[in-house]
């Protein structure tokens, strides 16, 4: 009589065999209705450049696809070593794409750029946002767009299969089901565009930091592989740093589309690797990409960031006498107000955008003779997370009433924030006062971005 283990193993083999048969039938079909019809793209490698939107679109068998009007220009591309794919959509709280591109380019030499294509897929359904973003990319990286190193693509709406009323799996909400299913199709489209324009393809997200020498690290890790592989990994987070042979991209895209509504992309990739006899994760350590985004493209999702991968170094290092710190704003773990006031590395990062009358207090243990105060908000990775409308007051004294209510007496305006920073010099001389008991920062207008206070520097006489 067969044991339970033998039965389970046999059932697993049957399941995998049926899956392989289904995928094989799908991949060999020449004509498909619905989604498959859009996936049978022409076997030519042309770039279609739109004159006034700067958007490029993959050729398709379906002639009914509406392309933005304008004369199309065909350009044959020379095959390079690596394509870097970056899918991006509008984010409701903050946007990281410019930082991602800049850190990638800063880590790439001129000679390395000649071996790379960077394909930016504007995957949002909002046409206005796509046109504005594509124009901004062209303006910021004009030379790289003109020589095709940076390419901008978008997909027609009817490329997508149904994204509503999907079968619920993993107990995901309806919004998450739609988000992850669309993401699967986004990736498939990006892969179909990118197939065979380079030898290898690697995908990152639009909120990452690239480490120096990443390109040499990728080449070295590839050359170190002694057995065949399907996917190499250069980041442990999400779908960042996943590298494939470009000749596998079409097959991967069609596989993902087949099960787009069943499972998230990371689960599907695991099965794809297993089907192709790679049953172990092949990750390069240390990683060459770091995730820095706080807010996901899924509105309800927050991804906490490791402070060690961010630029949290202090530049001013004020004298900062001992003080009690209070704020009406909640902070992320490891990013509390003490980190902003400390002379050691770290900063404050709010959990949500500040609103009118949000405030923070620096209450000195004993009154201080203040010479100047400098406050810097925002960071290299998150330049938009800065104070847009706020003022700083110095008070002769203050009183803590109840748990969080503070009353200040004899307030003196030190200044208002300009482009995320405040510099108040000659404080004692300006007001002819010897001692101040506290500092109070007040938000004067609600903002849409969260807040990073990188440094509070107090200098004494």
Protein backbone atom coordinates (compact mmCIF):
# COMPACT_ATOMS: atom_id res chain seq x y z
CA UNK A 1 0.00 0.00 0.00
CA UNK A 2 1.43 3.41 -1.05
CA UNK A 3 2.46 5.73 1.73
CA UNK A 4 1.05 9.22 2.17
CA UNK A 5 4.40 10.69 1.04
CA UNK A 6 4.39 8.63 -2.16
CA UNK A 7 0.81 9.68 -2.89
CA UNK A 8 1.66 13.37 -2.33
CA UNK A 9 4.71 13.14 -4.57
CA UNK A 10 2.70 11.43 -7.29
CA UNK A 11 -0.04 14.04 -7.08
CA UNK A 12 2.54 16.83 -7.37
CA UNK A 13 4.04 15.23 -10.50
CA UNK A 14 0.59 14.94 -12.09
CA UNK A 15 -0.20 18.58 -11.24
CA UNK A 16 3.04 19.87 -12.73
CA UNK A 17 2.62 17.67 -15.82
CA UNK A 18 -0.87 19.06 -16.44
CA UNK A 19 0.42 22.61 -15.98
CA UNK A 20 3.26 22.01 -18.44
CA UNK A 21 0.83 20.56 -20.97
CA UNK A 22 -1.48 23.56 -20.65
CA UNK A 23 1.40 26.03 -21.03
CA UNK A 24 2.83 24.13 -23.98
CA UNK A 25 -0.53 24.20 -25.79
CA UNK A 26 -0.80 27.91 -25.14
CA UNK A 27 2.70 28.75 -26.32
CA UNK A 28 2.38 26.72 -29.54
CA UNK A 29 -0.92 28.18 -30.62
CA UNK A 30 -0.66 30.47 -33.63
CA UNK A 31 -3.99 32.24 -33.32
CA UNK A 32 -5.77 33.22 -30.15
CA UNK A 33 -8.79 35.30 -29.33
CA UNK A 34 -8.66 37.95 -26.59
CA UNK A 35 -5.34 38.47 -24.83
CA UNK A 36 -3.34 35.94 -26.83
CA UNK A 37 -4.23 37.76 -30.01
CA UNK A 38 -2.41 40.85 -28.76
CA UNK A 39 0.62 38.81 -27.73
CA UNK A 40 1.34 37.55 -31.26
CA UNK A 41 3.44 40.58 -32.08
CA UNK A 42 5.52 40.84 -35.23
CA UNK A 43 8.94 39.24 -35.24
CA UNK A 44 10.69 42.51 -36.02
CA UNK A 45 12.61 44.73 -33.68
CA UNK A 46 11.56 48.28 -34.59
CA UNK A 47 11.11 51.23 -32.27
CA UNK A 48 8.05 53.35 -33.05
CA UNK A 49 8.69 56.94 -32.03
CA UNK A 50 5.73 59.31 -31.73
CA UNK A 51 6.65 62.80 -32.77
CA UNK A 52 4.83 64.82 -30.14
CA UNK A 53 4.16 62.48 -27.23
CA UNK A 54 7.55 60.73 -27.26
CA UNK A 55 5.74 57.49 -26.49
CA UNK A 56 6.72 54.26 -28.22
CA UNK A 57 4.48 51.26 -28.72
CA UNK A 58 5.13 47.61 -29.51
CA UNK A 59 4.01 46.45 -32.98
CA UNK A 60 0.94 44.22 -32.79
CA UNK A 61 -1.00 41.86 -35.04
CA UNK A 62 -4.15 43.71 -34.03
CA UNK A 63 -4.49 46.61 -36.47
CA UNK A 64 -7.45 48.01 -34.54
CA UNK A 65 -5.18 49.26 -31.78
CA UNK A 66 -5.40 53.05 -31.78
CA UNK A 67 -2.04 54.77 -31.77
CA UNK A 68 -1.80 58.45 -30.98
CA UNK A 69 -2.01 60.28 -34.30
CA UNK A 70 1.28 61.45 -35.74
CA UNK A 71 3.77 60.21 -38.27
CA UNK A 72 5.59 57.07 -37.09
CA UNK A 73 9.29 56.69 -37.63
CA UNK A 74 10.95 53.26 -37.68
CA UNK A 75 14.42 52.82 -36.31
CA UNK A 76 16.35 49.56 -36.20
CA UNK A 77 18.13 49.13 -32.88
CA UNK A 78 21.56 47.63 -32.40
CA UNK A 79 21.56 44.77 -29.92
CA UNK A 80 23.24 45.58 -26.61
CA UNK A 81 24.35 43.63 -23.55
CA UNK A 82 21.65 44.57 -21.02
CA UNK A 83 18.15 46.03 -21.00
CA UNK A 84 16.95 47.56 -17.73
CA UNK A 85 13.15 47.65 -17.53
CA UNK A 86 11.41 50.14 -15.23
CA UNK A 87 7.60 49.98 -15.04
CA UNK A 88 6.04 53.01 -13.39
CA UNK A 89 2.58 54.38 -12.60
CA UNK A 90 1.28 57.45 -10.84
CA UNK A 91 1.58 57.24 -7.05
CA UNK A 92 -0.91 59.12 -4.88
CA UNK A 93 1.51 60.30 -2.18
CA UNK A 94 5.02 60.63 -3.57
CA UNK A 95 6.89 59.78 -6.76
CA UNK A 96 10.35 58.25 -6.91
CA UNK A 97 11.07 57.78 -10.64
CA UNK A 98 13.50 60.70 -11.01
CA UNK A 99 15.58 59.53 -8.08
CA UNK A 100 15.60 55.97 -9.45
CA UNK A 101 16.80 57.06 -12.91
CA UNK A 102 19.37 59.50 -11.52
CA UNK A 103 20.91 57.00 -9.13
CA UNK A 104 21.04 54.43 -11.94
CA UNK A 105 22.75 56.83 -14.33
CA UNK A 106 25.15 58.08 -11.65
CA UNK A 107 26.30 54.49 -11.10
CA UNK A 108 26.86 53.88 -14.83
CA UNK A 109 29.92 55.02 -16.78
CA UNK A 110 29.70 56.43 -20.29
CA UNK A 111 31.17 53.27 -21.82
CA UNK A 112 28.73 51.11 -19.86
CA UNK A 113 25.78 53.19 -21.06
CA UNK A 114 26.63 52.22 -24.63
CA UNK A 115 25.93 48.60 -23.62
CA UNK A 116 22.59 49.35 -21.95
CA UNK A 117 19.01 50.15 -22.88
CA UNK A 118 16.75 51.63 -20.21
CA UNK A 119 13.09 50.98 -21.05
CA UNK A 120 10.62 53.04 -19.02
CA UNK A 121 7.08 51.69 -19.24
CA UNK A 122 4.42 54.26 -18.37
CA UNK A 123 1.83 51.75 -17.23
CA UNK A 124 -0.86 54.05 -15.86
CA UNK A 125 -4.24 54.30 -17.62
CA UNK A 126 -4.23 58.09 -17.19
CA UNK A 127 -3.32 59.48 -20.62
CA UNK A 128 -2.62 62.99 -19.37
CA UNK A 129 -0.20 61.72 -16.74
CA UNK A 130 1.61 59.61 -19.35
CA UNK A 131 2.04 62.52 -21.74
CA UNK A 132 3.29 64.86 -19.00
CA UNK A 133 5.68 62.25 -17.62
CA UNK A 134 7.05 61.35 -21.06
CA UNK A 135 7.72 65.02 -21.81
CA UNK A 136 9.51 65.39 -18.48
CA UNK A 137 11.67 62.34 -19.19
CA UNK A 138 12.56 63.73 -22.61
CA UNK A 139 13.42 67.11 -21.11
CA UNK A 140 15.53 65.73 -18.26
CA UNK A 141 17.36 63.07 -20.29
CA UNK A 142 17.22 64.53 -23.79
CA UNK A 143 20.51 63.11 -25.11
CA UNK A 144 19.81 59.60 -23.81
CA UNK A 145 16.30 59.60 -25.28
CA UNK A 146 17.54 60.83 -28.66
CA UNK A 147 20.10 58.00 -28.98
CA UNK A 148 17.59 55.36 -27.76
CA UNK A 149 19.49 54.56 -24.56
CA UNK A 150 16.35 55.61 -22.70
CA UNK A 151 13.15 54.42 -24.35
CA UNK A 152 9.63 55.29 -23.27
CA UNK A 153 6.76 52.93 -23.98
CA UNK A 154 3.06 52.69 -23.23
CA UNK A 155 0.44 50.01 -23.84
CA UNK A 156 -2.97 50.36 -25.49
CA UNK A 157 -5.85 49.93 -23.07
CA UNK A 158 -7.29 46.99 -25.02
CA UNK A 159 -4.09 45.03 -24.51
CA UNK A 160 -5.34 44.28 -21.00
CA UNK A 161 -7.68 41.39 -20.21
CA UNK A 162 -10.55 41.89 -17.72
CA UNK A 163 -9.34 43.34 -14.42
CA UNK A 164 -12.69 43.50 -12.58
CA UNK A 165 -14.77 40.75 -10.97
CA UNK A 166 -11.77 38.43 -10.73
CA UNK A 167 -11.77 35.24 -8.73
CA UNK A 168 -10.46 36.04 -5.25
CA UNK A 169 -7.31 34.21 -4.15
CA UNK A 170 -5.05 34.54 -1.10
CA UNK A 171 -7.90 36.39 0.66
CA UNK A 172 -6.86 39.55 -1.17
CA UNK A 173 -9.21 42.49 -1.38
CA UNK A 174 -10.81 43.39 -4.69
CA UNK A 175 -8.52 46.40 -5.08
CA UNK A 176 -5.42 44.31 -4.42
CA UNK A 177 -6.61 41.62 -6.84
CA UNK A 178 -6.99 44.22 -9.58
CA UNK A 179 -3.66 45.85 -8.75
CA UNK A 180 -1.60 42.66 -8.78
CA UNK A 181 -3.38 41.29 -11.90
CA UNK A 182 -2.73 44.50 -13.81
CA UNK A 183 0.87 44.41 -12.62
CA UNK A 184 1.26 40.94 -14.14
CA UNK A 185 0.03 42.22 -17.51
CA UNK A 186 2.21 45.34 -17.22
CA UNK A 187 5.28 43.16 -16.81
CA UNK A 188 4.27 40.89 -19.68
CA UNK A 189 3.94 43.86 -22.02
CA UNK A 190 7.31 45.26 -20.93
CA UNK A 191 8.95 41.88 -21.57
CA UNK A 192 7.41 41.53 -25.01
CA UNK A 193 8.74 44.93 -25.96
CA UNK A 194 12.20 44.19 -24.56
CA UNK A 195 12.73 40.72 -25.97
CA UNK A 196 15.86 40.34 -28.07
CA UNK A 197 17.00 43.99 -28.03
CA UNK A 198 19.81 42.88 -25.73
CA UNK A 199 21.45 39.70 -24.50
CA UNK A 200 20.10 39.99 -20.96
CA UNK A 201 17.18 41.75 -19.33
CA UNK A 202 16.92 42.95 -15.73
CA UNK A 203 13.92 44.57 -14.09
CA UNK A 204 13.86 47.11 -11.29
CA UNK A 205 11.04 49.11 -9.74
CA UNK A 206 10.63 52.88 -9.88
CA UNK A 207 11.69 53.41 -6.26
CA UNK A 208 15.17 51.95 -5.92
CA UNK A 209 18.72 53.02 -5.25
CA UNK A 210 21.47 51.59 -7.47
CA UNK A 211 24.81 50.85 -5.90
CA UNK A 212 28.08 51.80 -7.63
CA UNK A 213 29.75 49.11 -9.79
CA UNK A 214 26.38 47.35 -10.25
CA UNK A 215 27.07 46.74 -13.95
CA UNK A 216 30.41 44.98 -13.37
CA UNK A 217 28.83 43.02 -10.51
CA UNK A 218 26.07 41.78 -12.82
CA UNK A 219 28.53 40.74 -15.55
CA UNK A 220 30.78 38.99 -13.04
CA UNK A 221 27.90 37.10 -11.40
CA UNK A 222 26.66 35.91 -14.79
CA UNK A 223 30.11 34.67 -15.77
CA UNK A 224 30.44 32.84 -12.44
CA UNK A 225 27.45 30.58 -13.17
CA UNK A 226 28.63 27.04 -13.88
CA UNK A 227 25.26 25.46 -14.66
CA UNK A 228 22.31 26.64 -16.74
CA UNK A 229 19.94 29.14 -15.15
CA UNK A 230 16.66 30.90 -15.81
CA UNK A 231 16.68 33.79 -13.33
CA UNK A 232 19.44 35.49 -11.36
CA UNK A 233 18.59 37.89 -8.54
CA UNK A 234 20.37 41.08 -7.54
CA UNK A 235 17.96 42.28 -4.85
CA UNK A 236 16.00 40.32 -2.26
CA UNK A 237 13.01 42.69 -2.29
CA UNK A 238 9.97 42.26 -4.54
CA UNK A 239 10.60 42.08 -8.27
CA UNK A 240 13.69 44.28 -8.13
CA UNK A 241 16.87 43.04 -9.76
CA UNK A 242 15.45 39.93 -11.44
CA UNK A 243 17.60 39.08 -14.48
CA UNK A 244 16.70 36.82 -17.43
CA UNK A 245 18.05 35.75 -20.77
CA UNK A 246 16.26 38.02 -23.25
CA UNK A 247 15.33 35.03 -25.40
CA UNK A 248 13.18 33.77 -22.50
CA UNK A 249 11.12 36.95 -22.17
CA UNK A 250 8.39 36.09 -24.66
CA UNK A 251 7.86 32.69 -23.10
CA UNK A 252 7.79 34.26 -19.63
CA UNK A 253 5.30 36.90 -20.76
CA UNK A 254 2.87 34.36 -22.21
CA UNK A 255 3.12 32.20 -19.10
CA UNK A 256 2.36 35.16 -16.84
CA UNK A 257 -0.62 36.20 -18.96
CA UNK A 258 -2.02 32.68 -18.78
CA UNK A 259 -2.24 32.89 -14.98
CA UNK A 260 -2.38 36.67 -14.55
CA UNK A 261 -5.39 36.61 -12.19
CA UNK A 262 -4.42 33.50 -10.24
CA UNK A 263 -1.29 34.49 -8.31
CA UNK A 264 1.05 37.45 -7.67
CA UNK A 265 4.10 37.84 -9.88
CA UNK A 266 6.65 36.54 -7.35
CA UNK A 267 4.70 33.28 -6.93
CA UNK A 268 4.36 32.82 -10.70
CA UNK A 269 8.07 33.44 -11.20
CA UNK A 270 8.88 30.74 -8.67
CA UNK A 271 6.85 28.20 -10.67
CA UNK A 272 8.35 29.40 -13.96
CA UNK A 273 11.86 28.79 -12.61
CA UNK A 274 10.87 25.37 -11.28
CA UNK A 275 9.34 24.33 -14.60
CA UNK A 276 12.65 25.16 -16.24
CA UNK A 277 14.56 23.06 -13.68
CA UNK A 278 15.89 25.90 -11.54
CA UNK A 279 14.66 24.92 -8.11
CA UNK A 280 16.97 27.14 -6.05
CA UNK A 281 17.23 30.89 -5.67
CA UNK A 282 20.41 32.32 -7.20
CA UNK A 283 20.94 35.63 -5.49
CA UNK A 284 24.03 37.79 -5.68
CA UNK A 285 25.13 39.07 -2.28
CA UNK A 286 25.57 41.79 -1.44
CA UNK A 287 22.66 43.09 -3.50
CA UNK A 288 23.27 45.86 -6.03
CA UNK A 289 19.80 47.45 -5.78
CA UNK A 290 18.09 48.75 -2.63
CA UNK A 291 14.41 49.50 -2.21
CA UNK A 292 13.85 53.03 -0.89
CA UNK A 293 10.17 53.66 -1.65
CA UNK A 294 7.87 53.96 1.32
CA UNK A 295 4.49 54.03 -0.40
CA UNK A 296 3.56 51.32 -2.89
CA UNK A 297 1.65 51.96 -6.10
CA UNK A 298 -1.13 50.11 -4.24
CA UNK A 299 -2.60 52.95 -2.11
CA UNK A 300 -3.23 50.87 1.01
CA UNK A 301 0.24 49.31 1.09
CA UNK A 302 3.20 50.71 3.01
CA UNK A 303 6.66 49.16 2.73
CA UNK A 304 8.95 49.98 5.63
CA UNK A 305 12.48 50.98 4.70
CA UNK A 306 15.74 49.98 6.31
CA UNK A 307 17.40 53.24 7.49
CA UNK A 308 20.84 51.81 6.70
CA UNK A 309 20.29 52.08 2.95
CA UNK A 310 19.25 55.75 3.08
CA UNK A 311 21.33 58.89 3.23
CA UNK A 312 20.79 59.82 6.87
CA UNK A 313 24.12 61.55 7.51
CA UNK A 314 24.06 64.86 9.35
CA UNK A 315 25.92 67.77 7.75
CA UNK A 316 25.42 70.59 10.27
CA UNK A 317 25.79 68.87 13.63
CA UNK A 318 24.54 71.65 15.90
CA UNK A 319 25.25 71.94 19.59
CA UNK A 320 21.68 70.82 20.37
CA UNK A 321 21.34 71.10 24.15
CA UNK A 322 19.32 68.49 26.02
CA UNK A 323 15.61 68.82 25.34
CA UNK A 324 12.26 67.09 25.44
CA UNK A 325 10.70 66.55 22.00
CA UNK A 326 6.99 66.46 21.16
CA UNK A 327 5.02 66.36 17.91
CA UNK A 328 1.42 65.90 16.79
CA UNK A 329 2.65 63.85 13.80
CA UNK A 330 3.12 60.09 13.96
CA UNK A 331 6.38 58.68 12.65
CA UNK A 332 7.52 55.50 10.98
CA UNK A 333 9.44 52.92 13.03
CA UNK A 334 13.10 53.95 13.47
CA UNK A 335 12.35 57.44 12.12
CA UNK A 336 11.16 59.30 15.23
CA UNK A 337 11.74 62.94 16.16
CA UNK A 338 14.76 62.16 18.30
CA UNK A 339 16.58 61.01 15.16
CA UNK A 340 16.18 64.48 13.61
CA UNK A 341 17.43 66.32 16.73
CA UNK A 342 20.30 63.96 17.43
CA UNK A 343 23.76 64.79 16.08
CA UNK A 344 24.06 61.16 15.00
CA UNK A 345 22.80 59.77 11.69
CA UNK A 346 19.05 59.43 11.25
CA UNK A 347 15.98 61.53 10.56
CA UNK A 348 12.29 61.98 11.31
CA UNK A 349 9.81 60.57 8.76
CA UNK A 350 6.09 61.09 9.20
CA UNK A 351 3.63 58.27 8.60
CA UNK A 352 1.24 60.57 6.72
CA UNK A 353 1.32 64.06 5.15
CA UNK A 354 1.28 66.95 7.64
CA UNK A 355 -1.90 68.99 7.93
CA UNK A 356 -2.54 72.57 9.00
CA UNK A 357 -1.58 73.23 12.67
CA UNK A 358 0.51 70.07 13.00
CA UNK A 359 3.42 71.04 15.19
CA UNK A 360 6.56 69.91 16.93
CA UNK A 361 8.27 71.26 20.02
CA UNK A 362 11.85 71.32 21.24
CA UNK A 363 11.58 72.09 24.96
CA UNK A 364 15.00 72.72 26.46
CA UNK A 365 15.86 71.21 29.84
CA UNK A 366 16.91 74.71 30.84
CA UNK A 367 16.62 78.05 28.96
CA UNK A 368 19.27 78.58 26.27
CA UNK A 369 21.02 81.53 24.64
CA UNK A 370 20.37 80.75 20.97
CA UNK A 371 22.61 82.10 18.25
CA UNK A 372 21.01 80.37 15.23
CA UNK A 373 18.69 77.55 14.21
CA UNK A 374 18.80 75.60 10.93
CA UNK A 375 16.22 72.99 9.93
CA UNK A 376 16.55 70.88 6.79
CA UNK A 377 13.71 68.73 5.44
CA UNK A 378 13.50 66.23 2.59
CA UNK A 379 16.28 63.86 1.47
CA UNK A 380 18.15 62.78 -1.65
CA UNK A 381 15.96 59.71 -1.99
CA UNK A 382 12.73 61.56 -1.17
CA UNK A 383 13.16 65.20 -2.20
CA UNK A 384 9.40 65.81 -2.25
CA UNK A 385 8.98 64.86 1.42
CA UNK A 386 9.83 68.35 2.62
CA UNK A 387 8.04 71.13 4.48
CA UNK A 388 6.22 73.32 1.99
CA UNK A 389 4.40 75.72 4.34
CA UNK A 390 5.56 76.11 7.94
CA UNK A 391 7.05 78.59 10.40
CA UNK A 392 9.38 78.43 13.39
CA UNK A 393 8.85 80.36 16.63
CA UNK A 394 11.08 80.72 19.68
CA UNK A 395 9.34 81.04 23.04
CA UNK A 396 10.57 82.42 26.33
CA UNK A 397 8.81 79.62 28.20
CA UNK A 398 6.22 76.88 27.75
CA UNK A 399 4.01 74.62 29.82
CA UNK A 400 2.99 71.01 29.22
CA UNK A 401 -0.75 70.69 29.84
CA UNK A 402 -2.13 67.17 29.90
CA UNK A 403 -0.48 64.51 27.78
CA UNK A 404 0.22 66.27 24.49
CA UNK A 405 -0.98 69.87 24.82
CA UNK A 406 1.70 72.52 25.16
CA UNK A 407 1.14 76.21 25.83
CA UNK A 408 3.88 78.62 24.74
CA UNK A 409 4.41 82.11 26.18
CA UNK A 410 6.02 85.17 24.54
CA UNK A 411 6.51 83.80 21.02
CA UNK A 412 8.97 85.32 18.54
CA UNK A 413 8.86 84.42 14.85
CA UNK A 414 12.26 83.15 13.69
CA UNK A 415 11.27 82.58 10.07
CA UNK A 416 9.26 80.65 7.51
CA UNK A 417 10.36 77.65 5.48
CA UNK A 418 11.60 78.22 1.96
CA UNK A 419 11.95 75.21 -0.37
CA UNK A 420 12.03 72.84 2.56
CA UNK A 421 14.59 74.57 4.77
CA UNK A 422 14.81 77.33 7.37
CA UNK A 423 17.81 79.36 8.49
CA UNK A 424 17.42 81.75 11.46
CA UNK A 425 20.60 83.68 12.26
CA UNK A 426 21.42 86.18 15.02
CA UNK A 427 18.41 85.10 17.07
CA UNK A 428 19.53 86.64 20.36
CA UNK A 429 20.71 89.86 18.74
CA UNK A 430 17.55 90.23 16.65
CA UNK A 431 15.19 90.06 19.63
CA UNK A 432 17.56 91.30 22.33
CA UNK A 433 16.69 88.32 24.51
CA UNK A 434 19.17 86.29 26.45
CA UNK A 435 17.30 83.03 26.99
CA UNK A 436 14.63 80.97 25.22
CA UNK A 437 12.78 78.02 26.73
CA UNK A 438 11.61 76.21 23.58
CA UNK A 439 11.23 76.13 19.81
CA UNK A 440 7.91 75.50 18.09
CA UNK A 441 7.48 74.49 14.45
CA UNK A 442 3.96 74.89 13.04
CA UNK A 443 2.61 73.64 9.71
CA UNK A 444 0.62 76.50 8.15
CA UNK A 445 -0.92 74.61 5.23
CA UNK A 446 -1.71 70.93 4.60
CA UNK A 447 0.46 69.16 2.02
CA UNK A 448 0.17 65.98 -0.06
CA UNK A 449 3.66 64.55 0.59
CA UNK A 450 4.88 63.04 3.82
CA UNK A 451 7.55 64.84 5.81
CA UNK A 452 11.20 64.07 6.38
CA UNK A 453 13.03 66.31 8.87
CA UNK A 454 16.61 65.45 8.20
CA UNK A 455 18.27 67.76 10.70
CA UNK A 456 17.42 70.21 13.47
CA UNK A 457 20.58 72.13 14.33
CA UNK A 458 20.63 74.58 17.26
CA UNK A 459 23.73 76.70 17.79
CA UNK A 460 24.38 78.56 21.08
CA UNK A 461 26.26 81.69 22.01
